[in-house]
Protein backbone atom coordinates (compact mmCIF):
# COMPACT_ATOMS: atom_id res chain seq x y z
CA UNK A 1 -22.23 32.31 -21.72
CA UNK A 2 -18.73 31.10 -20.49
CA UNK A 3 -18.57 27.98 -18.27
CA UNK A 4 -17.61 28.90 -14.72
CA UNK A 5 -14.06 27.96 -13.77
CA UNK A 6 -14.08 26.13 -10.57
CA UNK A 7 -11.69 27.43 -7.58
CA UNK A 8 -8.69 25.56 -7.58
CA UNK A 9 -8.30 22.45 -5.41
CA UNK A 10 -5.88 22.88 -2.51
CA UNK A 11 -3.90 20.02 -1.58
CA UNK A 12 -1.66 19.85 1.31
CA UNK A 13 1.45 16.97 0.54
CA UNK A 14 2.11 16.01 4.20
CA UNK A 15 3.29 13.31 6.28
CA UNK A 16 5.18 14.05 9.94
CA UNK A 17 7.67 11.36 9.01
CA UNK A 18 10.87 12.37 7.11
CA UNK A 19 12.25 10.72 4.37
CA UNK A 20 9.22 9.40 2.93
CA UNK A 21 9.35 11.32 -0.54
CA UNK A 22 7.31 14.16 0.24
CA UNK A 23 8.96 16.92 -1.48
CA UNK A 24 10.04 14.45 -4.22
CA UNK A 25 6.16 14.08 -4.61
CA UNK A 26 5.35 17.49 -4.43
CA UNK A 27 7.96 18.42 -7.11
CA UNK A 28 7.05 15.68 -9.77
CA UNK A 29 3.10 15.36 -8.97
CA UNK A 30 3.27 19.55 -9.64
CA UNK A 31 5.41 18.77 -12.97
CA UNK A 32 3.07 15.87 -13.91
CA UNK A 33 -0.27 17.65 -13.15
CA UNK A 34 0.99 20.73 -15.48
CA UNK A 35 2.04 18.41 -18.12
CA UNK A 36 -1.40 16.50 -18.30
CA UNK A 37 -2.86 20.28 -18.74
CA UNK A 38 -3.59 21.56 -15.49
CA UNK A 39 -2.40 24.80 -14.12
CA UNK A 40 -0.21 24.31 -10.55
CA UNK A 41 0.99 26.56 -8.10
CA UNK A 42 3.25 25.00 -5.72
CA UNK A 43 4.03 26.45 -2.48
CA UNK A 44 7.04 25.44 -0.51
CA UNK A 45 6.47 25.62 3.05
CA UNK A 46 9.48 23.69 4.32
CA UNK A 47 12.06 26.23 5.60
CA UNK A 48 14.68 24.15 4.10
CA UNK A 49 13.53 25.04 0.64
CA UNK A 50 14.39 21.70 -0.96
CA UNK A 51 11.15 22.35 -3.54
CA UNK A 52 12.43 25.76 -4.48
CA UNK A 53 15.89 24.24 -5.23
CA UNK A 54 14.75 20.85 -6.93
CA UNK A 55 12.51 23.19 -9.39
CA UNK A 56 15.81 25.06 -10.21
CA UNK A 57 14.75 28.32 -8.48
CA UNK A 58 17.88 30.31 -7.24
CA UNK A 59 17.84 32.09 -4.12
CA UNK A 60 18.21 35.53 -5.92
CA UNK A 61 15.17 34.69 -7.90
CA UNK A 62 13.24 34.28 -4.21
CA UNK A 63 12.50 38.17 -3.89
CA UNK A 64 9.12 37.19 -2.41
CA UNK A 65 8.63 34.27 -0.37
CA UNK A 66 6.10 32.42 1.33
CA UNK A 67 7.61 33.76 4.72
CA UNK A 68 6.49 37.35 3.25
CA UNK A 69 2.87 35.77 2.54
CA UNK A 70 2.55 34.47 6.44
CA UNK A 71 4.17 37.12 8.33
CA UNK A 72 3.45 40.28 6.10
CA UNK A 73 0.37 39.14 4.35
CA UNK A 74 1.81 39.58 0.90
CA UNK A 75 -0.55 38.39 -1.78
CA UNK A 76 0.19 34.85 -3.29
CA UNK A 77 0.47 35.94 -6.60
CA UNK A 78 2.97 38.38 -5.83
CA UNK A 79 5.45 35.50 -4.64
CA UNK A 80 4.93 33.10 -7.40
CA UNK A 81 7.70 32.75 -9.81
CA UNK A 82 7.64 30.53 -13.16
CA UNK A 83 9.36 27.35 -13.23
CA UNK A 84 11.02 25.47 -16.04
CA UNK A 85 7.68 23.97 -16.41
CA UNK A 86 5.07 25.51 -18.57
CA UNK A 87 2.08 26.10 -16.22
CA UNK A 88 3.93 25.23 -13.01
CA UNK A 89 4.39 28.41 -10.72
CA UNK A 90 6.41 28.18 -7.44
CA UNK A 91 6.11 30.16 -4.09
CA UNK A 92 9.61 29.47 -2.82
CA UNK A 93 10.61 29.09 0.93
CA UNK A 94 12.81 30.95 3.08
CA UNK A 95 14.86 29.87 5.79
CA UNK A 96 13.42 32.62 8.12
CA UNK A 97 10.24 30.37 8.19
CA UNK A 98 12.04 28.36 11.01
CA UNK A 99 11.55 31.11 13.28
CA UNK A 100 8.06 31.81 12.57
CA UNK A 101 6.37 30.36 15.90
CA UNK A 102 8.39 32.87 17.66
CA UNK A 103 7.76 35.94 15.48
CA UNK A 104 4.09 35.37 15.25
CA UNK A 105 3.56 34.75 18.67
CA UNK A 106 -0.02 35.40 19.76
CA UNK A 107 -0.79 37.45 16.38
CA UNK A 108 -4.13 37.71 15.09
CA UNK A 109 -5.34 34.72 12.94
CA UNK A 110 -1.85 33.07 13.05
CA UNK A 111 -3.10 29.68 11.99
CA UNK A 112 -4.99 31.12 9.05
CA UNK A 113 -2.38 33.30 7.31
CA UNK A 114 -2.01 30.80 4.36
CA UNK A 115 -5.90 30.36 4.11
CA UNK A 116 -6.56 34.20 3.89
CA UNK A 117 -3.77 34.22 1.06
CA UNK A 118 -5.48 31.19 -0.83
CA UNK A 119 -8.81 32.86 -0.27
CA UNK A 120 -7.47 35.89 -2.22
CA UNK A 121 -5.78 34.18 -4.84
CA UNK A 122 -9.05 32.50 -5.71
CA UNK A 123 -10.89 35.85 -6.00
CA UNK A 124 -8.49 37.08 -8.78
CA UNK A 125 -9.73 37.41 -12.25
CA UNK A 126 -6.83 38.14 -14.62
CA UNK A 127 -3.69 37.03 -13.30
CA UNK A 128 -2.60 33.62 -11.93
CA UNK A 129 -5.51 30.99 -11.93
CA UNK A 130 -4.29 27.85 -11.10
CA UNK A 131 -6.20 24.68 -11.13
CA UNK A 132 -4.38 22.78 -8.46
CA UNK A 133 -2.44 24.30 -5.31
CA UNK A 134 -0.07 21.87 -4.09
CA UNK A 135 1.49 22.65 -0.49
CA UNK A 136 4.65 21.11 0.42
CA UNK A 137 4.98 20.69 4.40
CA UNK A 138 7.67 20.45 6.54
CA UNK A 139 8.20 16.69 8.54
CA UNK A 140 6.86 17.92 11.65
CA UNK A 141 3.53 19.32 13.24
CA UNK A 142 4.30 23.04 13.76
CA UNK A 143 2.45 26.32 12.75
CA UNK A 144 3.50 25.85 9.29
CA UNK A 145 1.78 22.57 8.94
CA UNK A 146 -1.18 23.75 10.77
CA UNK A 147 -1.61 26.70 8.30
CA UNK A 148 -1.21 24.33 5.30
CA UNK A 149 -4.03 22.17 6.73
CA UNK A 150 -6.08 25.09 7.66
CA UNK A 151 -5.95 26.17 3.81
CA UNK A 152 -6.11 22.85 2.47
CA UNK A 153 -9.24 21.01 1.05
CA UNK A 154 -7.49 17.81 1.62
CA UNK A 155 -4.31 16.10 2.39
CA UNK A 156 -2.34 14.00 0.02
CA UNK A 157 0.25 11.53 1.79
CA UNK A 158 3.14 10.01 0.64
CA UNK A 159 4.01 6.78 2.45
CA UNK A 160 7.30 5.05 2.19
CA UNK A 161 6.91 1.44 2.12
CA UNK A 162 9.11 0.51 4.90
CA UNK A 163 8.30 -0.95 8.57
CA UNK A 164 7.07 2.13 10.42
CA UNK A 165 4.79 3.43 7.70
CA UNK A 166 1.85 2.47 9.35
CA UNK A 167 2.85 4.04 12.71
CA UNK A 168 3.50 7.41 10.94
CA UNK A 169 0.40 7.12 9.24
CA UNK A 170 -1.55 6.93 12.17
CA UNK A 171 0.21 9.81 13.99
CA UNK A 172 -0.74 11.92 10.45
CA UNK A 173 -4.28 10.97 11.12
CA UNK A 174 -4.43 12.08 14.46
CA UNK A 175 -3.31 15.82 13.17
CA UNK A 176 -5.91 15.73 10.49
CA UNK A 177 -8.63 14.76 12.77
CA UNK A 178 -7.42 17.68 15.23
CA UNK A 179 -7.14 20.31 12.55
CA UNK A 180 -10.43 19.18 11.32
CA UNK A 181 -12.49 19.55 14.70
CA UNK A 182 -10.72 22.70 15.52
CA UNK A 183 -9.63 24.52 12.58
CA UNK A 184 -10.95 23.35 8.99
CA UNK A 185 -14.00 21.17 9.28
CA UNK A 186 -13.81 20.45 5.27
CA UNK A 187 -10.17 18.89 5.93
CA UNK A 188 -10.32 15.59 4.46
CA UNK A 189 -7.81 12.54 3.17
CA UNK A 190 -7.53 12.91 -0.47
CA UNK A 191 -5.47 9.98 -0.96
CA UNK A 192 -2.30 7.92 -0.03
CA UNK A 193 0.39 7.50 -2.30
CA UNK A 194 2.95 4.60 -1.76
CA UNK A 195 6.70 5.77 -2.61
CA UNK A 196 10.09 4.23 -2.63
CA UNK A 197 8.23 0.66 -3.65
CA UNK A 198 10.84 -2.13 -4.57
CA UNK A 199 8.97 -5.20 -5.95
CA UNK A 200 12.03 -7.20 -5.44
CA UNK A 201 11.49 -6.88 -1.55
CA UNK A 202 9.08 -8.63 0.34
CA UNK A 203 8.49 -5.95 2.92
CA UNK A 204 7.23 -3.57 0.13
CA UNK A 205 4.71 -6.00 -0.67
CA UNK A 206 3.74 -6.49 3.26
CA UNK A 207 3.54 -2.68 3.86
CA UNK A 208 1.24 -2.42 0.55
CA UNK A 209 -1.23 -4.98 1.93
CA UNK A 210 -1.29 -3.74 5.13
CA UNK A 211 -2.16 0.05 4.18
CA UNK A 212 -4.56 -1.10 1.39
CA UNK A 213 -6.16 -3.67 4.16
CA UNK A 214 -6.56 -0.56 6.65
CA UNK A 215 -7.47 2.34 4.09
CA UNK A 216 -8.94 0.65 0.90
CA UNK A 217 -9.75 2.89 -1.87
CA UNK A 218 -8.18 5.91 -0.47
CA UNK A 219 -4.44 4.30 -1.42
CA UNK A 220 -3.69 5.15 -5.00
CA UNK A 221 -3.46 2.49 -7.44
CA UNK A 222 -0.16 3.84 -8.79
CA UNK A 223 2.65 3.54 -6.78
CA UNK A 224 6.13 5.18 -7.15
CA UNK A 225 9.33 2.93 -7.34
CA UNK A 226 12.60 3.52 -5.93
CA UNK A 227 14.23 5.03 -9.00
CA UNK A 228 18.20 6.55 -8.92
CA UNK A 229 17.25 8.88 -11.56
CA UNK A 230 14.27 10.59 -9.62
CA UNK A 231 17.04 10.77 -6.79
CA UNK A 232 19.52 12.43 -9.11
CA UNK A 233 17.60 14.88 -10.47
CA UNK A 234 16.91 17.32 -7.90
CA UNK A 235 20.99 18.02 -7.73
CA UNK A 236 20.48 19.30 -11.26
CA UNK A 237 17.58 21.52 -10.16
CA UNK A 238 14.94 19.80 -12.57
CA UNK A 239 12.02 17.67 -11.78
CA UNK A 240 12.45 13.95 -12.87
CA UNK A 241 9.90 14.38 -15.71
CA UNK A 242 12.52 17.18 -17.30
CA UNK A 243 15.67 15.55 -15.87
CA UNK A 244 14.78 11.76 -17.51
CA UNK A 245 10.90 11.58 -18.88
CA UNK A 246 11.44 7.86 -19.83
CA UNK A 247 12.46 6.48 -16.26
CA UNK A 248 10.16 4.50 -14.23
CA UNK A 249 9.86 7.05 -11.58
CA UNK A 250 8.47 9.72 -13.96
CA UNK A 251 6.29 7.44 -15.89
CA UNK A 252 4.89 6.50 -12.56
CA UNK A 253 4.61 10.28 -11.45
CA UNK A 254 2.49 11.07 -14.78
CA UNK A 255 0.47 7.85 -14.15
CA UNK A 256 -0.33 9.50 -10.63
CA UNK A 257 -1.08 12.67 -11.92
CA UNK A 258 -3.75 11.18 -14.23
CA UNK A 259 -5.29 9.10 -11.58
CA UNK A 260 -5.59 11.86 -9.45
CA UNK A 261 -7.44 14.19 -11.94
CA UNK A 262 -9.82 11.44 -12.74
CA UNK A 263 -10.37 11.05 -8.65
CA UNK A 264 -10.95 14.93 -8.33
CA UNK A 265 -13.38 14.86 -11.43
CA UNK A 266 -15.31 11.96 -9.96
CA UNK A 267 -15.59 13.71 -6.53
CA UNK A 268 -16.67 16.97 -8.28
CA UNK A 269 -19.62 15.03 -10.32
CA UNK A 270 -20.51 13.17 -7.02
CA UNK A 271 -20.62 16.54 -5.43
CA UNK A 272 -22.72 18.12 -8.10
CA UNK A 273 -25.29 15.31 -8.06
CA UNK A 274 -25.54 15.63 -4.21
CA UNK A 275 -26.14 19.70 -4.51
CA UNK A 276 -28.76 19.03 -7.18
CA UNK A 277 -30.70 16.40 -4.96
CA UNK A 278 -30.65 19.13 -2.14
């Protein structure tokens, strides 16, 4: 008898503060997870489409986009396109997403359009079967972010090592609590990833100490350093791991992917033990 394949783990990569490395993390974590043997679907929910550009998917290949999934309820697998990375697919963005709040108005299940699409994806038998779905959220609280968090099992938070980091994180936690109480009771914080870390800068060390002091084991051990090669990669339409595998940033994302997989396996084991005990 074949072993039952668990449903994909759906993670919203979110931070309401811009410039924290959110899209960079979505692209490179997705690539790193694929590199360590996972099958990954990355959904670009930002109207700017930076994740789509950073993965080298030109606009002419974006025939069906996340806009069509949200507005017209097209199946997610019809919008998924292959990327340069084996086992990494992308559902591309569309600039029309910026008007989504007006277009949907008071439409039925307007906050659950992405969840409905993900639920249908989980039921597929012979087509795309990801083990992880990563959702790159826009840097604001709007209907797109609400859709992402309503569809997600948990939120992964990239956090820049800078002065206002904790203030932005506090706002995000309030948003997660709001979505959990009103739309998605299972939503949790999967982890916090410290980004743009500079060991030469005392402020980075202080932010790290503050965040770990507040959130403990929720914060990943792996930190993403400031790295020129990671910053350059999107302009070539490539993830950093393809642009320069040996650079410090690429190696950090590989380490982060392995740590994430370990965490998820431990979480799954704990869940199974609790279910058996009941």
